[in-house]
């Protein structure tokens, strides 16, 4: 996320923030279990091989 965010200008960050603030919060939303989804880019907070080991 740092790589993507670092390429945005301050007005772009403000525009994304304003857009996200307009989205409704899901009422029945539940988090996905940790390490069950393969991310499109490496993420420091995720075990890089955990999603591969899941059935």
PDB file of N, CA and C in Angstrom:
ATOM      1  N   UNK A   1       0.825  -1.186   0.000  1.00  0.00           N
ATOM      2  CA  UNK A   1       0.000   0.000   0.000  1.00  0.00           C
ATOM      3  C   UNK A   1       0.874   1.256   0.000  1.00  0.00           C
ATOM      4  N   UNK A   2       2.003   1.160   0.673  1.00  0.00           N
ATOM      5  CA  UNK A   2       2.895   2.314   0.715  1.00  0.00           C
ATOM      6  C   UNK A   2       3.337   2.728  -0.682  1.00  0.00           C
ATOM      7  N   UNK A   3       3.603   1.744  -1.544  1.00  0.00           N
ATOM      8  CA  UNK A   3       4.059   2.043  -2.903  1.00  0.00           C
ATOM      9  C   UNK A   3       2.979   2.807  -3.661  1.00  0.00           C
ATOM     10  N   UNK A   4       1.737   2.336  -3.558  1.00  0.00           N
ATOM     11  CA  UNK A   4       0.621   3.000  -4.247  1.00  0.00           C
ATOM     12  C   UNK A   4       0.387   4.385  -3.649  1.00  0.00           C
ATOM     13  N   UNK A   5       0.310   4.461  -2.332  1.00  0.00           N
ATOM     14  CA  UNK A   5       0.004   5.732  -1.670  1.00  0.00           C
ATOM     15  C   UNK A   5       1.086   6.781  -1.900  1.00  0.00           C
ATOM     16  N   UNK A   6       2.329   6.339  -1.989  1.00  0.00           N
ATOM     17  CA  UNK A   6       3.419   7.306  -2.164  1.00  0.00           C
ATOM     18  C   UNK A   6       3.402   7.973  -3.537  1.00  0.00           C
ATOM     19  N   UNK A   7       2.676   7.395  -4.492  1.00  0.00           N
ATOM     20  CA  UNK A   7       2.613   8.003  -5.827  1.00  0.00           C
ATOM     21  C   UNK A   7       1.502   9.045  -5.943  1.00  0.00           C
ATOM     22  N   UNK A   8       0.636   9.141  -4.933  1.00  0.00           N
ATOM     23  CA  UNK A   8      -0.486  10.076  -4.984  1.00  0.00           C
ATOM     24  C   UNK A   8      -0.077  11.460  -4.502  1.00  0.00           C
ATOM     25  N   UNK A   9      -0.627  12.472  -5.156  1.00  0.00           N
ATOM     26  CA  UNK A   9      -0.414  13.850  -4.710  1.00  0.00           C
ATOM     27  C   UNK A   9      -1.382  14.152  -3.566  1.00  0.00           C
ATOM     28  N   UNK A  10      -1.156  15.257  -2.855  1.00  0.00           N
ATOM     29  CA  UNK A  10      -2.071  15.615  -1.756  1.00  0.00           C
ATOM     30  C   UNK A  10      -3.508  15.804  -2.232  1.00  0.00           C
ATOM     31  N   UNK A  11      -3.750  16.459  -3.372  1.00  0.00           N
ATOM     32  CA  UNK A  11      -5.140  16.567  -3.855  1.00  0.00           C
ATOM     33  C   UNK A  11      -5.757  15.207  -4.192  1.00  0.00           C
ATOM     34  N   UNK A  12      -4.951  14.277  -4.698  1.00  0.00           N
ATOM     35  CA  UNK A  12      -5.470  12.937  -5.001  1.00  0.00           C
ATOM     36  C   UNK A  12      -5.833  12.190  -3.711  1.00  0.00           C
ATOM     37  N   UNK A  13      -4.998  12.316  -2.687  1.00  0.00           N
ATOM     38  CA  UNK A  13      -5.298  11.692  -1.396  1.00  0.00           C
ATOM     39  C   UNK A  13      -6.583  12.283  -0.836  1.00  0.00           C
ATOM     40  N   UNK A  14      -6.743  13.592  -0.928  1.00  0.00           N
ATOM     41  CA  UNK A  14      -7.959  14.247  -0.444  1.00  0.00           C
ATOM     42  C   UNK A  14      -9.182  13.757  -1.219  1.00  0.00           C
ATOM     43  N   UNK A  15      -9.052  13.579  -2.531  1.00  0.00           N
ATOM     44  CA  UNK A  15     -10.170  13.116  -3.353  1.00  0.00           C
ATOM     45  C   UNK A  15     -10.553  11.674  -2.991  1.00  0.00           C
ATOM     46  N   UNK A  16      -9.559  10.817  -2.812  1.00  0.00           N
ATOM     47  CA  UNK A  16      -9.838   9.428  -2.435  1.00  0.00           C
ATOM     48  C   UNK A  16     -10.488   9.391  -1.057  1.00  0.00           C
ATOM     49  N   UNK A  17      -9.973  10.176  -0.130  1.00  0.00           N
ATOM     50  CA  UNK A  17     -10.540  10.223   1.224  1.00  0.00           C
ATOM     51  C   UNK A  17     -11.981  10.702   1.204  1.00  0.00           C
ATOM     52  N   UNK A  18     -12.254  11.731   0.424  1.00  0.00           N
ATOM     53  CA  UNK A  18     -13.614  12.258   0.331  1.00  0.00           C
ATOM     54  C   UNK A  18     -14.556  11.214  -0.266  1.00  0.00           C
ATOM     55  N   UNK A  19     -14.095  10.501  -1.282  1.00  0.00           N
ATOM     56  CA  UNK A  19     -14.918   9.457  -1.898  1.00  0.00           C
ATOM     57  C   UNK A  19     -15.198   8.332  -0.901  1.00  0.00           C
ATOM     58  N   UNK A  20     -14.167   7.851  -0.232  1.00  0.00           N
ATOM     59  CA  UNK A  20     -14.348   6.760   0.726  1.00  0.00           C
ATOM     60  C   UNK A  20     -15.287   7.165   1.857  1.00  0.00           C
ATOM     61  N   UNK A  21     -15.263   8.421   2.250  1.00  0.00           N
ATOM     62  CA  UNK A  21     -16.133   8.904   3.325  1.00  0.00           C
ATOM     63  C   UNK A  21     -17.605   8.883   2.915  1.00  0.00           C
ATOM     64  N   UNK A  22     -17.884   8.872   1.618  1.00  0.00           N
ATOM     65  CA  UNK A  22     -19.282   8.857   1.161  1.00  0.00           C
ATOM     66  C   UNK A  22     -19.864   7.452   1.080  1.00  0.00           C
ATOM     67  N   UNK A  23     -19.022   6.429   1.157  1.00  0.00           N
ATOM     68  CA  UNK A  23     -19.499   5.050   1.021  1.00  0.00           C
ATOM     69  C   UNK A  23     -20.197   4.595   2.298  1.00  0.00           C
ATOM     70  N   UNK A  24     -21.302   3.872   2.155  1.00  0.00           N
ATOM     71  CA  UNK A  24     -21.995   3.369   3.348  1.00  0.00           C
ATOM     72  C   UNK A  24     -21.200   2.245   4.006  1.00  0.00           C
ATOM     73  N   UNK A  25     -21.348   2.126   5.310  1.00  0.00           N
ATOM     74  CA  UNK A  25     -20.698   1.054   6.057  1.00  0.00           C
ATOM     75  C   UNK A  25     -21.638  -0.149   6.054  1.00  0.00           C
ATOM     76  N   UNK A  26     -21.171  -1.308   5.584  1.00  0.00           N
ATOM     77  CA  UNK A  26     -22.033  -2.498   5.581  1.00  0.00           C
ATOM     78  C   UNK A  26     -22.445  -2.881   7.007  1.00  0.00           C
ATOM     79  N   UNK A  27     -23.688  -3.238   7.183  1.00  0.00           N
ATOM     80  CA  UNK A  27     -24.198  -3.576   8.507  1.00  0.00           C
ATOM     81  C   UNK A  27     -23.793  -4.980   8.946  1.00  0.00           C
ATOM     82  N   UNK A  28     -23.709  -5.922   8.034  1.00  0.00           N
ATOM     83  CA  UNK A  28     -23.415  -7.314   8.369  1.00  0.00           C
ATOM     84  C   UNK A  28     -22.004  -7.730   7.958  1.00  0.00           C
ATOM     85  N   UNK A  29     -21.120  -6.789   7.847  1.00  0.00           N
ATOM     86  CA  UNK A  29     -19.775  -7.072   7.380  1.00  0.00           C
ATOM     87  C   UNK A  29     -18.969  -7.824   8.427  1.00  0.00           C
ATOM     88  N   UNK A  30     -18.229  -8.857   7.994  1.00  0.00           N
ATOM     89  CA  UNK A  30     -17.364  -9.639   8.867  1.00  0.00           C
ATOM     90  C   UNK A  30     -15.978  -9.699   8.225  1.00  0.00           C
ATOM     91  N   UNK A  31     -14.936  -9.671   9.021  1.00  0.00           N
ATOM     92  CA  UNK A  31     -13.588  -9.753   8.452  1.00  0.00           C
ATOM     93  C   UNK A  31     -13.287 -11.143   7.895  1.00  0.00           C
ATOM     94  N   UNK A  32     -12.437 -11.195   6.897  1.00  0.00           N
ATOM     95  CA  UNK A  32     -11.981 -12.453   6.323  1.00  0.00           C
ATOM     96  C   UNK A  32     -10.925 -13.020   7.265  1.00  0.00           C
ATOM     97  N   UNK A  33     -10.891 -14.316   7.406  1.00  0.00           N
ATOM     98  CA  UNK A  33      -9.874 -14.949   8.248  1.00  0.00           C
ATOM     99  C   UNK A  33      -8.479 -14.569   7.751  1.00  0.00           C
ATOM    100  N   UNK A  34      -7.562 -14.418   8.665  1.00  0.00           N
ATOM    101  CA  UNK A  34      -6.196 -13.999   8.328  1.00  0.00           C
ATOM    102  C   UNK A  34      -5.533 -14.974   7.361  1.00  0.00           C
ATOM    103  N   UNK A  35      -4.794 -14.425   6.433  1.00  0.00           N
ATOM    104  CA  UNK A  35      -3.984 -15.190   5.480  1.00  0.00           C
ATOM    105  C   UNK A  35      -4.773 -16.178   4.629  1.00  0.00           C
ATOM    106  N   UNK A  36      -6.010 -15.860   4.277  1.00  0.00           N
ATOM    107  CA  UNK A  36      -6.785 -16.746   3.412  1.00  0.00           C
ATOM    108  C   UNK A  36      -6.860 -16.238   1.979  1.00  0.00           C
ATOM    109  N   UNK A  37      -6.371 -15.044   1.738  1.00  0.00           N
ATOM    110  CA  UNK A  37      -6.438 -14.450   0.407  1.00  0.00           C
ATOM    111  C   UNK A  37      -5.031 -14.111  -0.077  1.00  0.00           C
ATOM    112  N   UNK A  38      -4.714 -14.503  -1.297  1.00  0.00           N
ATOM    113  CA  UNK A  38      -3.420 -14.145  -1.882  1.00  0.00           C
ATOM    114  C   UNK A  38      -3.504 -12.698  -2.358  1.00  0.00           C
ATOM    115  N   UNK A  39      -2.643 -11.848  -1.856  1.00  0.00           N
ATOM    116  CA  UNK A  39      -2.643 -10.444  -2.239  1.00  0.00           C
ATOM    117  C   UNK A  39      -1.933 -10.259  -3.578  1.00  0.00           C
ATOM    118  N   UNK A  40      -2.314  -9.228  -4.346  1.00  0.00           N
ATOM    119  CA  UNK A  40      -1.687  -9.026  -5.656  1.00  0.00           C
ATOM    120  C   UNK A  40      -0.240  -8.535  -5.566  1.00  0.00           C
ATOM    121  N   UNK A  41       0.120  -7.954  -4.416  1.00  0.00           N
ATOM    122  CA  UNK A  41       1.482  -7.470  -4.194  1.00  0.00           C
ATOM    123  C   UNK A  41       1.935  -7.955  -2.819  1.00  0.00           C
ATOM    124  N   UNK A  42       3.238  -8.017  -2.621  1.00  0.00           N
ATOM    125  CA  UNK A  42       3.766  -8.418  -1.324  1.00  0.00           C
ATOM    126  C   UNK A  42       3.324  -7.427  -0.257  1.00  0.00           C
ATOM    127  N   UNK A  43       2.976  -7.952   0.918  1.00  0.00           N
ATOM    128  CA  UNK A  43       2.540  -7.124   2.028  1.00  0.00           C
ATOM    129  C   UNK A  43       3.313  -7.556   3.266  1.00  0.00           C
ATOM    130  N   UNK A  44       3.906  -6.618   3.976  1.00  0.00           N
ATOM    131  CA  UNK A  44       4.716  -6.930   5.133  1.00  0.00           C
ATOM    132  C   UNK A  44       3.942  -7.539   6.281  1.00  0.00           C
ATOM    133  N   UNK A  45       2.634  -7.361   6.313  1.00  0.00           N
ATOM    134  CA  UNK A  45       1.848  -7.883   7.427  1.00  0.00           C
ATOM    135  C   UNK A  45       1.283  -9.278   7.150  1.00  0.00           C
ATOM    136  N   UNK A  46       1.547  -9.836   5.977  1.00  0.00           N
ATOM    137  CA  UNK A  46       1.014 -11.149   5.629  1.00  0.00           C
ATOM    138  C   UNK A  46       2.134 -12.140   5.380  1.00  0.00           C
ATOM    139  N   UNK A  47       1.949 -13.359   5.894  1.00  0.00           N
ATOM    140  CA  UNK A  47       2.889 -14.437   5.634  1.00  0.00           C
ATOM    141  C   UNK A  47       2.819 -14.727   4.125  1.00  0.00           C
ATOM    142  N   UNK A  48       3.920 -14.617   3.387  1.00  0.00           N
ATOM    143  CA  UNK A  48       3.858 -14.769   1.922  1.00  0.00           C
ATOM    144  C   UNK A  48       3.435 -16.150   1.445  1.00  0.00           C
ATOM    145  N   UNK A  49       3.534 -17.189   2.290  1.00  0.00           N
ATOM    146  CA  UNK A  49       3.191 -18.536   1.860  1.00  0.00           C
ATOM    147  C   UNK A  49       1.940 -19.081   2.535  1.00  0.00           C
ATOM    148  N   UNK A  50       1.314 -18.310   3.409  1.00  0.00           N
ATOM    149  CA  UNK A  50       0.160 -18.805   4.164  1.00  0.00           C
ATOM    150  C   UNK A  50      -1.038 -19.122   3.266  1.00  0.00           C
ATOM    151  N   UNK A  51      -1.335 -18.272   2.294  1.00  0.00           N
ATOM    152  CA  UNK A  51      -2.479 -18.494   1.414  1.00  0.00           C
ATOM    153  C   UNK A  51      -2.263 -19.713   0.522  1.00  0.00           C
ATOM    154  N   UNK A  52      -1.014 -20.023   0.190  1.00  0.00           N
ATOM    155  CA  UNK A  52      -0.718 -21.184  -0.655  1.00  0.00           C
ATOM    156  C   UNK A  52      -0.991 -22.483   0.085  1.00  0.00           C
ATOM    157  N   UNK A  53      -0.814 -22.488   1.395  1.00  0.00           N
ATOM    158  CA  UNK A  53      -0.970 -23.702   2.195  1.00  0.00           C
ATOM    159  C   UNK A  53      -2.415 -24.014   2.511  1.00  0.00           C
ATOM    160  N   UNK A  54      -3.323 -23.058   2.335  1.00  0.00           N
ATOM    161  CA  UNK A  54      -4.743 -23.263   2.642  1.00  0.00           C
ATOM    162  C   UNK A  54      -5.386 -24.114   1.555  1.00  0.00           C
ATOM    163  N   UNK A  55      -6.331 -24.993   1.934  1.00  0.00           N
ATOM    164  CA  UNK A  55      -7.024 -25.804   0.902  1.00  0.00           C
ATOM    165  C   UNK A  55      -7.951 -24.972   0.059  1.00  0.00           C
TER     166      UNK A  55
END
